Structure formats: C-alpha cells, structure tokens
Amino acid sequence: MQHYRCHDDVFLNSVLMEKVTAILLFLIILILFKRLQYFSWLYHVIINGFGYRLGDFIKRTGGFEFTIYYIIFGMLQRSDSIVHKYYRKTFKPNDIEILSNIVSVNNQENNSTISIHLRLGDVIDNHERSVDDFLFNESSSKNNNKTIGTRCDFNSCKSEGYVKPMRYYEEILKKIPNSITKIKVFSGSFKETKNPHKSKDYLKKISAFFKQNGYNVEINWNKNADDDFKQMCNSKYFVPSGGGFSTLISDVVKYKGGRVL
C-alpha cells in the first residue's frame, strides 16, 4: 500500500512541476515580449489568447505556430482535455489519426441522427449585415463557399463565408438519408459580442426550418467545447459550417468512416 502511495505522490509532484514550469516560462516570455516591441503582435496573442481555442491549437494557427506558445498553452490545460492530450502526443498540426483516437467514443445515436455545426458568435453578432441578409441574400460575393476576411473585433467584423445561407440547408435537406429522425445542432459564442441576439435569432430560424420538415431538433448551445467536439467527430452524418473548426471535424468524421453532407 505504501508503494502505491509513493507512486501517486511522484506522479502528482511531476504534474505540479510541469504546471509550475509552464507558468514560469509564460512569465519570462511576457517580460521579454513586453520589452521587445518587435514581438508586440505575439505578446498581444499570448496576453489575450488564453481562451480554450481547440481548433486553432490543433491546426497550429492564431499564434500556435510559435512552438513555445503551443507548449505553454498545452501544459496549462486540464489533463483530461483534448488540447492537453493532443499536446502530449504530437507537435504536428492537423494530425487526424492522433486526434481521432483521442476523441473516439461510442455514439449510440449514429444511425438516426445528424450533427450540424453552426459557426456563430462574432462573425454574425459583430457584422453589419442583418440575420435575414445572411440567410436570404443570394449574392455570390457574400454567400460563397470560401471564408474570407480578417479577425473580428468587438466593434466590427468583415468576415464572410462562415455563416451559411438558408439555401445551403435547403440543399442539405435533399441529401439527408431516410433513416434520420433527429438533428443535433451545435453552436455557441464563448466571448462577449456586440449583438448576441443575432446568433440566437439565426439559430432559432435554422432549427425551425428542420422542425418544419419533420425532424426532432436538439440544440446544444454554449455547452462544453470538448464534449461537443467529440459528439460531432463521432457522428455518422455531419453538416459543417464555414471555417477551420468545421473543417477539422469533417476531416475526423471522414477518417472514422462517417459522411459529410
């Protein structure tokens, strides 16, 4: 019994030392970057970027292309989080095999359920366009299949292609297998936005569209990011939104033998 207790103490101490090392490295980097104006952009990323940015971390974008930031961020996450597990296994971006193994769970609803991801939040809430304009404006320059634009801030957003128009879901409707009875919609906005009611309005209208076509709709709004990601990755059928997060999920779904509609 004493042997096991000793082993546990060693493990806990090693975890603690890892966390302390990460914090010390972080503080040193902050001091250096604050002094060196040449690295002011990366300093800004480190200061403001410690939300749980799962997609950017796996793809190694948005500051995570810097290895030291990648290491510190990975170390500081919960040991049972997807980010921490991925960091412990690889430094490679978009390693779909490793990611698929990390998120693999048994989904009992696979044959009768479709997962839909909606990219909302800042890309619609901070944008000058209205919800109906996003849904029903058929301009090819706005509602294209490519994501364009710069990072959104609180006052404005010029990004396009993340929020899909209604005609996109009308086409999806034609592809849904007859075995499907339930649709699970995943979305959220994990930071403060200018007009948060716009995300809720868009979500309500997309959900109503599928309900009117005879499907049971379950909405997952602002739930645990890891849990949502796992559920979507293990879907047999997946409908992506615009952006890299949906693309990442699509890659895992296809790797695991699922179908992206």
C-alpha atoms as a PDB file:
ATOM      1  CA  MET A   1       0.000   0.000   0.000  1.00  0.00           C
ATOM      2  CA  GLN A   2       2.873   2.341   0.850  1.00  0.00           C
ATOM      3  CA  HIS A   3       4.404   1.599  -2.545  1.00  0.00           C
ATOM      4  CA  TYR A   4       1.298   2.750  -4.408  1.00  0.00           C
ATOM      5  CA  ARG A   5       1.013   5.873  -2.301  1.00  0.00           C
ATOM      6  CA  CYS A   6       4.618   6.745  -3.087  1.00  0.00           C
ATOM      7  CA  HIS A   7       3.992   6.198  -6.779  1.00  0.00           C
ATOM      8  CA  ASP A   8       0.954   8.513  -6.661  1.00  0.00           C
ATOM      9  CA  ASP A   9       2.952  11.181  -4.838  1.00  0.00           C
ATOM     10  CA  VAL A  10       5.671  11.077  -7.500  1.00  0.00           C
ATOM     11  CA  PHE A  11       3.053  11.376 -10.254  1.00  0.00           C
ATOM     12  CA  LEU A  12       1.320  14.325  -8.574  1.00  0.00           C
ATOM     13  CA  ASN A  13       4.637  16.063  -7.980  1.00  0.00           C
ATOM     14  CA  SER A  14       5.619  15.646 -11.629  1.00  0.00           C
ATOM     15  CA  VAL A  15       2.294  17.122 -12.764  1.00  0.00           C
ATOM     16  CA  LEU A  16       2.727  20.028 -10.354  1.00  0.00           C
ATOM     17  CA  MET A  17       6.271  20.685 -11.562  1.00  0.00           C
ATOM     18  CA  GLU A  18       5.056  20.690 -15.152  1.00  0.00           C
ATOM     19  CA  LYS A  19       2.427  23.329 -14.333  1.00  0.00           C
ATOM     20  CA  VAL A  20       4.922  25.469 -12.381  1.00  0.00           C
ATOM     21  CA  THR A  21       7.441  25.261 -15.238  1.00  0.00           C
ATOM     22  CA  ALA A  22       4.799  26.355 -17.724  1.00  0.00           C
ATOM     23  CA  ILE A  23       3.798  29.337 -15.591  1.00  0.00           C
ATOM     24  CA  LEU A  24       7.433  30.420 -15.110  1.00  0.00           C
ATOM     25  CA  LEU A  25       8.105  30.160 -18.841  1.00  0.00           C
ATOM     26  CA  PHE A  26       4.971  32.148 -19.524  1.00  0.00           C
ATOM     27  CA  LEU A  27       6.043  34.951 -17.158  1.00  0.00           C
ATOM     28  CA  ILE A  28       9.537  35.090 -18.651  1.00  0.00           C
ATOM     29  CA  ILE A  29       8.098  35.328 -22.153  1.00  0.00           C
ATOM     30  CA  LEU A  30       5.720  38.113 -21.109  1.00  0.00           C
ATOM     31  CA  ILE A  31       8.634  40.146 -19.722  1.00  0.00           C
ATOM     32  CA  LEU A  32      10.728  39.609 -22.852  1.00  0.00           C
ATOM     33  CA  PHE A  33       7.946  40.373 -25.296  1.00  0.00           C
ATOM     34  CA  LYS A  34       6.887  43.460 -23.359  1.00  0.00           C
ATOM     35  CA  ARG A  35      10.413  44.786 -23.722  1.00  0.00           C
ATOM     36  CA  LEU A  36      10.852  43.816 -27.363  1.00  0.00           C
ATOM     37  CA  GLN A  37       8.416  45.821 -29.481  1.00  0.00           C
ATOM     38  CA  TYR A  38       9.338  43.703 -32.491  1.00  0.00           C
ATOM     39  CA  PHE A  39       7.313  40.875 -30.953  1.00  0.00           C
ATOM     40  CA  SER A  40       4.353  43.034 -29.930  1.00  0.00           C
ATOM     41  CA  TRP A  41       1.881  41.009 -32.024  1.00  0.00           C
ATOM     42  CA  LEU A  42       2.836  37.744 -30.363  1.00  0.00           C
ATOM     43  CA  TYR A  43       2.755  39.475 -26.969  1.00  0.00           C
ATOM     44  CA  HIS A  44      -0.836  40.510 -27.721  1.00  0.00           C
ATOM     45  CA  VAL A  45      -1.732  36.934 -28.719  1.00  0.00           C
ATOM     46  CA  ILE A  46      -0.302  35.470 -25.515  1.00  0.00           C
ATOM     47  CA  ILE A  47      -1.992  38.062 -23.298  1.00  0.00           C
ATOM     48  CA  ASN A  48      -5.419  37.809 -24.911  1.00  0.00           C
ATOM     49  CA  GLY A  49      -5.472  34.316 -26.312  1.00  0.00           C
ATOM     50  CA  PHE A  50      -5.856  32.086 -23.280  1.00  0.00           C
ATOM     51  CA  GLY A  51      -9.394  31.071 -24.006  1.00  0.00           C
ATOM     52  CA  TYR A  52      -9.927  27.415 -24.852  1.00  0.00           C
ATOM     53  CA  ARG A  53      -9.086  27.583 -28.580  1.00  0.00           C
ATOM     54  CA  LEU A  54      -9.341  23.945 -29.589  1.00  0.00           C
ATOM     55  CA  GLY A  55      -9.488  24.401 -33.367  1.00  0.00           C
ATOM     56  CA  ASP A  56      -6.601  26.880 -33.578  1.00  0.00           C
ATOM     57  CA  PHE A  57      -4.488  24.686 -31.300  1.00  0.00           C
ATOM     58  CA  ILE A  58      -4.896  21.532 -33.406  1.00  0.00           C
ATOM     59  CA  LYS A  59      -4.304  23.445 -36.652  1.00  0.00           C
ATOM     60  CA  ARG A  60      -1.446  25.451 -35.057  1.00  0.00           C
ATOM     61  CA  THR A  61      -2.719  28.814 -36.254  1.00  0.00           C
ATOM     62  CA  GLY A  62      -3.555  32.075 -34.499  1.00  0.00           C
ATOM     63  CA  GLY A  63      -0.268  32.185 -32.561  1.00  0.00           C
ATOM     64  CA  PHE A  64       0.122  28.434 -32.030  1.00  0.00           C
ATOM     65  CA  GLU A  65       2.571  28.258 -34.917  1.00  0.00           C
ATOM     66  CA  PHE A  66       5.040  29.506 -32.281  1.00  0.00           C
ATOM     67  CA  THR A  67       6.211  26.343 -30.534  1.00  0.00           C
ATOM     68  CA  ILE A  68       6.776  27.920 -27.127  1.00  0.00           C
ATOM     69  CA  TYR A  69       3.207  29.257 -27.072  1.00  0.00           C
ATOM     70  CA  TYR A  70       1.933  25.846 -28.183  1.00  0.00           C
ATOM     71  CA  ILE A  71       3.806  24.151 -25.327  1.00  0.00           C
ATOM     72  CA  ILE A  72       2.707  26.598 -22.643  1.00  0.00           C
ATOM     73  CA  PHE A  73      -0.922  26.567 -23.729  1.00  0.00           C
ATOM     74  CA  GLY A  74      -0.976  22.763 -23.894  1.00  0.00           C
ATOM     75  CA  MET A  75       0.635  22.396 -20.469  1.00  0.00           C
ATOM     76  CA  LEU A  76      -1.829  24.712 -18.768  1.00  0.00           C
ATOM     77  CA  GLN A  77      -4.968  22.894 -19.906  1.00  0.00           C
ATOM     78  CA  ARG A  78      -6.749  20.257 -17.835  1.00  0.00           C
ATOM     79  CA  SER A  79      -5.077  16.869 -18.137  1.00  0.00           C
ATOM     80  CA  ASP A  80      -8.316  15.309 -19.425  1.00  0.00           C
ATOM     81  CA  SER A  81      -8.857  17.967 -22.110  1.00  0.00           C
ATOM     82  CA  ILE A  82      -8.460  17.282 -25.823  1.00  0.00           C
ATOM     83  CA  VAL A  83      -5.879  20.055 -26.132  1.00  0.00           C
ATOM     84  CA  HIS A  84      -3.665  18.652 -23.357  1.00  0.00           C
ATOM     85  CA  LYS A  85      -3.888  15.091 -24.686  1.00  0.00           C
ATOM     86  CA  TYR A  86      -3.033  16.244 -28.204  1.00  0.00           C
ATOM     87  CA  TYR A  87      -0.080  18.309 -26.962  1.00  0.00           C
ATOM     88  CA  ARG A  88       1.282  15.290 -25.057  1.00  0.00           C
ATOM     89  CA  LYS A  89       1.225  13.176 -28.220  1.00  0.00           C
ATOM     90  CA  THR A  90       2.392  15.444 -31.036  1.00  0.00           C
ATOM     91  CA  PHE A  91       3.534  18.883 -32.135  1.00  0.00           C
ATOM     92  CA  LYS A  92       2.266  18.270 -35.675  1.00  0.00           C
ATOM     93  CA  PRO A  93      -0.671  20.338 -36.957  1.00  0.00           C
ATOM     94  CA  ASN A  94      -3.802  18.506 -38.100  1.00  0.00           C
ATOM     95  CA  ASP A  95      -2.718  15.001 -37.152  1.00  0.00           C
ATOM     96  CA  ILE A  96      -6.132  13.487 -37.821  1.00  0.00           C
ATOM     97  CA  GLU A  97      -5.128   9.960 -36.793  1.00  0.00           C
ATOM     98  CA  ILE A  98      -3.994  11.056 -33.333  1.00  0.00           C
ATOM     99  CA  LEU A  99      -6.945  13.406 -32.922  1.00  0.00           C
ATOM    100  CA  SER A 100      -9.399  10.685 -33.960  1.00  0.00           C
ATOM    101  CA  ASN A 101      -8.004   8.318 -31.356  1.00  0.00           C
ATOM    102  CA  ILE A 102      -8.266  10.980 -28.646  1.00  0.00           C
ATOM    103  CA  VAL A 103     -11.919  11.817 -29.355  1.00  0.00           C
ATOM    104  CA  SER A 104     -13.165   8.314 -30.154  1.00  0.00           C
ATOM    105  CA  VAL A 105     -16.359   7.393 -28.264  1.00  0.00           C
ATOM    106  CA  ASN A 106     -19.288   5.083 -28.917  1.00  0.00           C
ATOM    107  CA  ASN A 107     -22.218   7.078 -30.292  1.00  0.00           C
ATOM    108  CA  GLN A 108     -25.443   5.100 -29.962  1.00  0.00           C
ATOM    109  CA  GLU A 109     -27.427   7.654 -31.989  1.00  0.00           C
ATOM    110  CA  ASN A 110     -25.292   7.401 -35.120  1.00  0.00           C
ATOM    111  CA  ASN A 111     -27.771   5.755 -37.474  1.00  0.00           C
ATOM    112  CA  SER A 112     -30.713   8.052 -36.759  1.00  0.00           C
ATOM    113  CA  THR A 113     -29.038  11.394 -36.038  1.00  0.00           C
ATOM    114  CA  ILE A 114     -27.255  14.127 -37.976  1.00  0.00           C
ATOM    115  CA  SER A 115     -24.926  16.608 -36.296  1.00  0.00           C
ATOM    116  CA  ILE A 116     -24.908  20.167 -37.598  1.00  0.00           C
ATOM    117  CA  HIS A 117     -22.303  22.743 -36.610  1.00  0.00           C
ATOM    118  CA  LEU A 118     -23.217  26.427 -36.850  1.00  0.00           C
ATOM    119  CA  ARG A 119     -20.363  28.943 -36.719  1.00  0.00           C
ATOM    120  CA  LEU A 120     -21.960  31.901 -34.966  1.00  0.00           C
ATOM    121  CA  GLY A 121     -20.772  34.394 -32.360  1.00  0.00           C
ATOM    122  CA  ASP A 122     -18.580  37.284 -33.507  1.00  0.00           C
ATOM    123  CA  VAL A 123     -18.841  36.502 -37.236  1.00  0.00           C
ATOM    124  CA  ILE A 124     -22.544  37.373 -37.170  1.00  0.00           C
ATOM    125  CA  ASP A 125     -23.034  39.373 -33.939  1.00  0.00           C
ATOM    126  CA  ASN A 126     -20.364  41.972 -34.772  1.00  0.00           C
ATOM    127  CA  HIS A 127     -21.144  42.097 -38.502  1.00  0.00           C
ATOM    128  CA  GLU A 128     -23.086  44.961 -40.076  1.00  0.00           C
ATOM    129  CA  ARG A 129     -25.289  42.545 -42.049  1.00  0.00           C
ATOM    130  CA  SER A 130     -28.645  41.500 -40.588  1.00  0.00           C
ATOM    131  CA  VAL A 131     -29.631  37.912 -39.834  1.00  0.00           C
ATOM    132  CA  ASP A 132     -32.039  37.856 -42.780  1.00  0.00           C
ATOM    133  CA  ASP A 133     -29.315  39.190 -45.053  1.00  0.00           C
ATOM    134  CA  PHE A 134     -27.073  36.272 -44.039  1.00  0.00           C
ATOM    135  CA  LEU A 135     -29.929  33.828 -44.604  1.00  0.00           C
ATOM    136  CA  PHE A 136     -31.563  35.095 -47.770  1.00  0.00           C
ATOM    137  CA  ASN A 137     -29.141  37.358 -49.652  1.00  0.00           C
ATOM    138  CA  GLU A 138     -28.188  35.318 -52.717  1.00  0.00           C
ATOM    139  CA  SER A 139     -25.218  37.477 -53.687  1.00  0.00           C
ATOM    140  CA  SER A 140     -22.432  35.104 -54.675  1.00  0.00           C
ATOM    141  CA  SER A 141     -19.863  37.602 -53.399  1.00  0.00           C
ATOM    142  CA  LYS A 142     -21.229  37.275 -49.853  1.00  0.00           C
ATOM    143  CA  ASN A 143     -22.622  33.780 -49.543  1.00  0.00           C
ATOM    144  CA  ASN A 144     -19.817  31.870 -51.201  1.00  0.00           C
ATOM    145  CA  ASN A 145     -18.161  28.675 -50.042  1.00  0.00           C
ATOM    146  CA  LYS A 146     -14.890  30.379 -49.088  1.00  0.00           C
ATOM    147  CA  THR A 147     -14.161  32.054 -45.784  1.00  0.00           C
ATOM    148  CA  ILE A 148     -12.659  35.497 -46.262  1.00  0.00           C
ATOM    149  CA  GLY A 149     -11.837  38.481 -44.108  1.00  0.00           C
ATOM    150  CA  THR A 150      -9.771  39.354 -41.072  1.00  0.00           C
ATOM    151  CA  ARG A 151     -10.182  38.564 -37.381  1.00  0.00           C
ATOM    152  CA  CYS A 152     -13.337  40.068 -35.892  1.00  0.00           C
ATOM    153  CA  ASP A 153     -13.176  42.590 -33.066  1.00  0.00           C
ATOM    154  CA  PHE A 154     -15.944  43.776 -30.763  1.00  0.00           C
ATOM    155  CA  ASN A 155     -16.973  46.747 -32.902  1.00  0.00           C
ATOM    156  CA  SER A 156     -16.928  45.223 -36.367  1.00  0.00           C
ATOM    157  CA  CYS A 157     -16.465  42.106 -38.461  1.00  0.00           C
ATOM    158  CA  LYS A 158     -15.846  41.875 -42.189  1.00  0.00           C
ATOM    159  CA  SER A 159     -15.505  38.100 -42.404  1.00  0.00           C
ATOM    160  CA  GLU A 160     -17.677  36.237 -44.913  1.00  0.00           C
ATOM    161  CA  GLY A 161     -18.429  32.583 -45.610  1.00  0.00           C
ATOM    162  CA  TYR A 162     -18.644  31.380 -42.013  1.00  0.00           C
ATOM    163  CA  VAL A 163     -22.419  31.830 -41.624  1.00  0.00           C
ATOM    164  CA  LYS A 164     -24.289  29.743 -44.190  1.00  0.00           C
ATOM    165  CA  PRO A 165     -27.390  30.949 -46.099  1.00  0.00           C
ATOM    166  CA  MET A 166     -30.727  29.149 -45.945  1.00  0.00           C
ATOM    167  CA  ARG A 167     -30.278  27.737 -49.443  1.00  0.00           C
ATOM    168  CA  TYR A 168     -27.272  25.794 -48.120  1.00  0.00           C
ATOM    169  CA  TYR A 169     -29.552  23.943 -45.692  1.00  0.00           C
ATOM    170  CA  GLU A 170     -32.223  23.510 -48.346  1.00  0.00           C
ATOM    171  CA  GLU A 171     -29.641  21.576 -50.372  1.00  0.00           C
ATOM    172  CA  ILE A 172     -28.601  19.600 -47.284  1.00  0.00           C
ATOM    173  CA  LEU A 173     -32.237  18.599 -46.793  1.00  0.00           C
ATOM    174  CA  LYS A 174     -32.172  16.774 -50.125  1.00  0.00           C
ATOM    175  CA  LYS A 175     -29.176  14.692 -49.027  1.00  0.00           C
ATOM    176  CA  ILE A 176     -30.491  13.512 -45.645  1.00  0.00           C
ATOM    177  CA  PRO A 177     -30.967   9.705 -45.547  1.00  0.00           C
ATOM    178  CA  ASN A 178     -34.441   8.323 -44.815  1.00  0.00           C
ATOM    179  CA  SER A 179     -33.179   6.726 -41.589  1.00  0.00           C
ATOM    180  CA  ILE A 180     -32.604  10.135 -39.960  1.00  0.00           C
ATOM    181  CA  THR A 181     -35.195  11.266 -37.411  1.00  0.00           C
ATOM    182  CA  LYS A 182     -33.178  13.623 -35.213  1.00  0.00           C
ATOM    183  CA  ILE A 183     -30.929  16.610 -35.825  1.00  0.00           C
ATOM    184  CA  LYS A 184     -28.461  17.845 -33.210  1.00  0.00           C
ATOM    185  CA  VAL A 185     -27.366  21.452 -33.690  1.00  0.00           C
ATOM    186  CA  PHE A 186     -24.096  22.516 -32.067  1.00  0.00           C
ATOM    187  CA  SER A 187     -23.120  26.149 -31.663  1.00  0.00           C
ATOM    188  CA  GLY A 188     -22.035  28.761 -29.168  1.00  0.00           C
ATOM    189  CA  SER A 189     -20.452  32.122 -28.533  1.00  0.00           C
ATOM    190  CA  PHE A 190     -17.736  31.893 -25.908  1.00  0.00           C
ATOM    191  CA  LYS A 191     -16.809  35.570 -25.767  1.00  0.00           C
ATOM    192  CA  GLU A 192     -18.668  38.852 -25.448  1.00  0.00           C
ATOM    193  CA  THR A 193     -20.129  40.146 -28.714  1.00  0.00           C
ATOM    194  CA  LYS A 194     -21.831  43.345 -29.854  1.00  0.00           C
ATOM    195  CA  ASN A 195     -25.274  41.944 -30.758  1.00  0.00           C
ATOM    196  CA  PRO A 196     -25.602  38.455 -29.219  1.00  0.00           C
ATOM    197  CA  HIS A 197     -29.300  38.287 -30.140  1.00  0.00           C
ATOM    198  CA  LYS A 198     -28.306  37.818 -33.787  1.00  0.00           C
ATOM    199  CA  SER A 199     -26.740  34.411 -33.102  1.00  0.00           C
ATOM    200  CA  LYS A 200     -29.833  33.307 -31.190  1.00  0.00           C
ATOM    201  CA  ASP A 201     -32.133  34.549 -33.976  1.00  0.00           C
ATOM    202  CA  TYR A 202     -30.148  32.712 -36.664  1.00  0.00           C
ATOM    203  CA  LEU A 203     -30.091  29.530 -34.573  1.00  0.00           C
ATOM    204  CA  LYS A 204     -33.838  29.751 -33.997  1.00  0.00           C
ATOM    205  CA  LYS A 205     -34.581  30.109 -37.706  1.00  0.00           C
ATOM    206  CA  ILE A 206     -32.336  27.210 -38.768  1.00  0.00           C
ATOM    207  CA  SER A 207     -33.849  24.974 -36.089  1.00  0.00           C
ATOM    208  CA  ALA A 208     -37.378  25.947 -37.142  1.00  0.00           C
ATOM    209  CA  PHE A 209     -36.557  25.066 -40.764  1.00  0.00           C
ATOM    210  CA  PHE A 210     -35.664  21.479 -39.851  1.00  0.00           C
ATOM    211  CA  LYS A 211     -38.580  21.125 -37.445  1.00  0.00           C
ATOM    212  CA  GLN A 212     -40.967  22.225 -40.207  1.00  0.00           C
ATOM    213  CA  ASN A 213     -39.543  19.437 -42.335  1.00  0.00           C
ATOM    214  CA  GLY A 214     -40.429  16.772 -39.783  1.00  0.00           C
ATOM    215  CA  TYR A 215     -37.250  16.347 -37.730  1.00  0.00           C
ATOM    216  CA  ASN A 216     -36.751  16.378 -33.988  1.00  0.00           C
ATOM    217  CA  VAL A 217     -34.196  19.095 -33.250  1.00  0.00           C
ATOM    218  CA  GLU A 218     -31.910  19.191 -30.215  1.00  0.00           C
ATOM    219  CA  ILE A 219     -29.953  22.393 -29.649  1.00  0.00           C
ATOM    220  CA  ASN A 220     -26.563  22.346 -27.921  1.00  0.00           C
ATOM    221  CA  TRP A 221     -25.717  25.993 -27.227  1.00  0.00           C
ATOM    222  CA  ASN A 222     -22.614  27.048 -25.290  1.00  0.00           C
ATOM    223  CA  LYS A 223     -22.048  23.573 -23.883  1.00  0.00           C
ATOM    224  CA  ASN A 224     -18.643  22.060 -23.070  1.00  0.00           C
ATOM    225  CA  ALA A 225     -16.389  22.532 -26.108  1.00  0.00           C
ATOM    226  CA  ASP A 226     -14.672  19.145 -25.760  1.00  0.00           C
ATOM    227  CA  ASP A 227     -17.947  17.262 -25.349  1.00  0.00           C
ATOM    228  CA  ASP A 228     -19.483  18.971 -28.394  1.00  0.00           C
ATOM    229  CA  PHE A 229     -16.367  18.316 -30.447  1.00  0.00           C
ATOM    230  CA  LYS A 230     -16.364  14.618 -29.539  1.00  0.00           C
ATOM    231  CA  GLN A 231     -20.037  14.201 -30.374  1.00  0.00           C
ATOM    232  CA  MET A 232     -19.654  15.848 -33.763  1.00  0.00           C
ATOM    233  CA  CYS A 233     -16.459  13.959 -34.604  1.00  0.00           C
ATOM    234  CA  ASN A 234     -18.169  10.646 -33.860  1.00  0.00           C
ATOM    235  CA  SER A 235     -21.237  11.410 -35.967  1.00  0.00           C
ATOM    236  CA  LYS A 236     -22.100   9.117 -38.841  1.00  0.00           C
ATOM    237  CA  TYR A 237     -23.501  12.156 -40.663  1.00  0.00           C
ATOM    238  CA  PHE A 238     -22.129  15.674 -40.251  1.00  0.00           C
ATOM    239  CA  VAL A 239     -23.088  19.050 -41.725  1.00  0.00           C
ATOM    240  CA  PRO A 240     -20.282  21.638 -41.476  1.00  0.00           C
ATOM    241  CA  SER A 241     -20.448  25.397 -41.242  1.00  0.00           C
ATOM    242  CA  GLY A 242     -17.783  27.729 -42.584  1.00  0.00           C
ATOM    243  CA  GLY A 243     -14.315  27.922 -41.057  1.00  0.00           C
ATOM    244  CA  GLY A 244     -11.478  25.755 -39.857  1.00  0.00           C
ATOM    245  CA  PHE A 245     -13.246  24.273 -36.829  1.00  0.00           C
ATOM    246  CA  SER A 246     -15.920  22.647 -39.001  1.00  0.00           C
ATOM    247  CA  THR A 247     -13.266  21.555 -41.488  1.00  0.00           C
ATOM    248  CA  LEU A 248     -11.327  19.847 -38.697  1.00  0.00           C
ATOM    249  CA  ILE A 249     -14.441  17.973 -37.540  1.00  0.00           C
ATOM    250  CA  SER A 250     -15.193  16.998 -41.150  1.00  0.00           C
ATOM    251  CA  ASP A 251     -11.710  15.509 -41.517  1.00  0.00           C
ATOM    252  CA  VAL A 252     -12.168  13.384 -38.385  1.00  0.00           C
ATOM    253  CA  VAL A 253     -15.665  12.249 -39.435  1.00  0.00           C
ATOM    254  CA  LYS A 254     -14.361  11.119 -42.820  1.00  0.00           C
ATOM    255  CA  TYR A 255     -11.323   9.437 -41.251  1.00  0.00           C
ATOM    256  CA  LYS A 256     -13.649   7.445 -38.978  1.00  0.00           C
ATOM    257  CA  GLY A 257     -15.817   6.345 -41.898  1.00  0.00           C
ATOM    258  CA  GLY A 258     -18.624   8.874 -41.489  1.00  0.00           C
ATOM    259  CA  ARG A 259     -20.231  11.024 -44.149  1.00  0.00           C
ATOM    260  CA  VAL A 260     -20.014  14.783 -44.530  1.00  0.00           C
ATOM    261  CA  LEU A 261     -23.123  16.114 -46.260  1.00  0.00           C
END
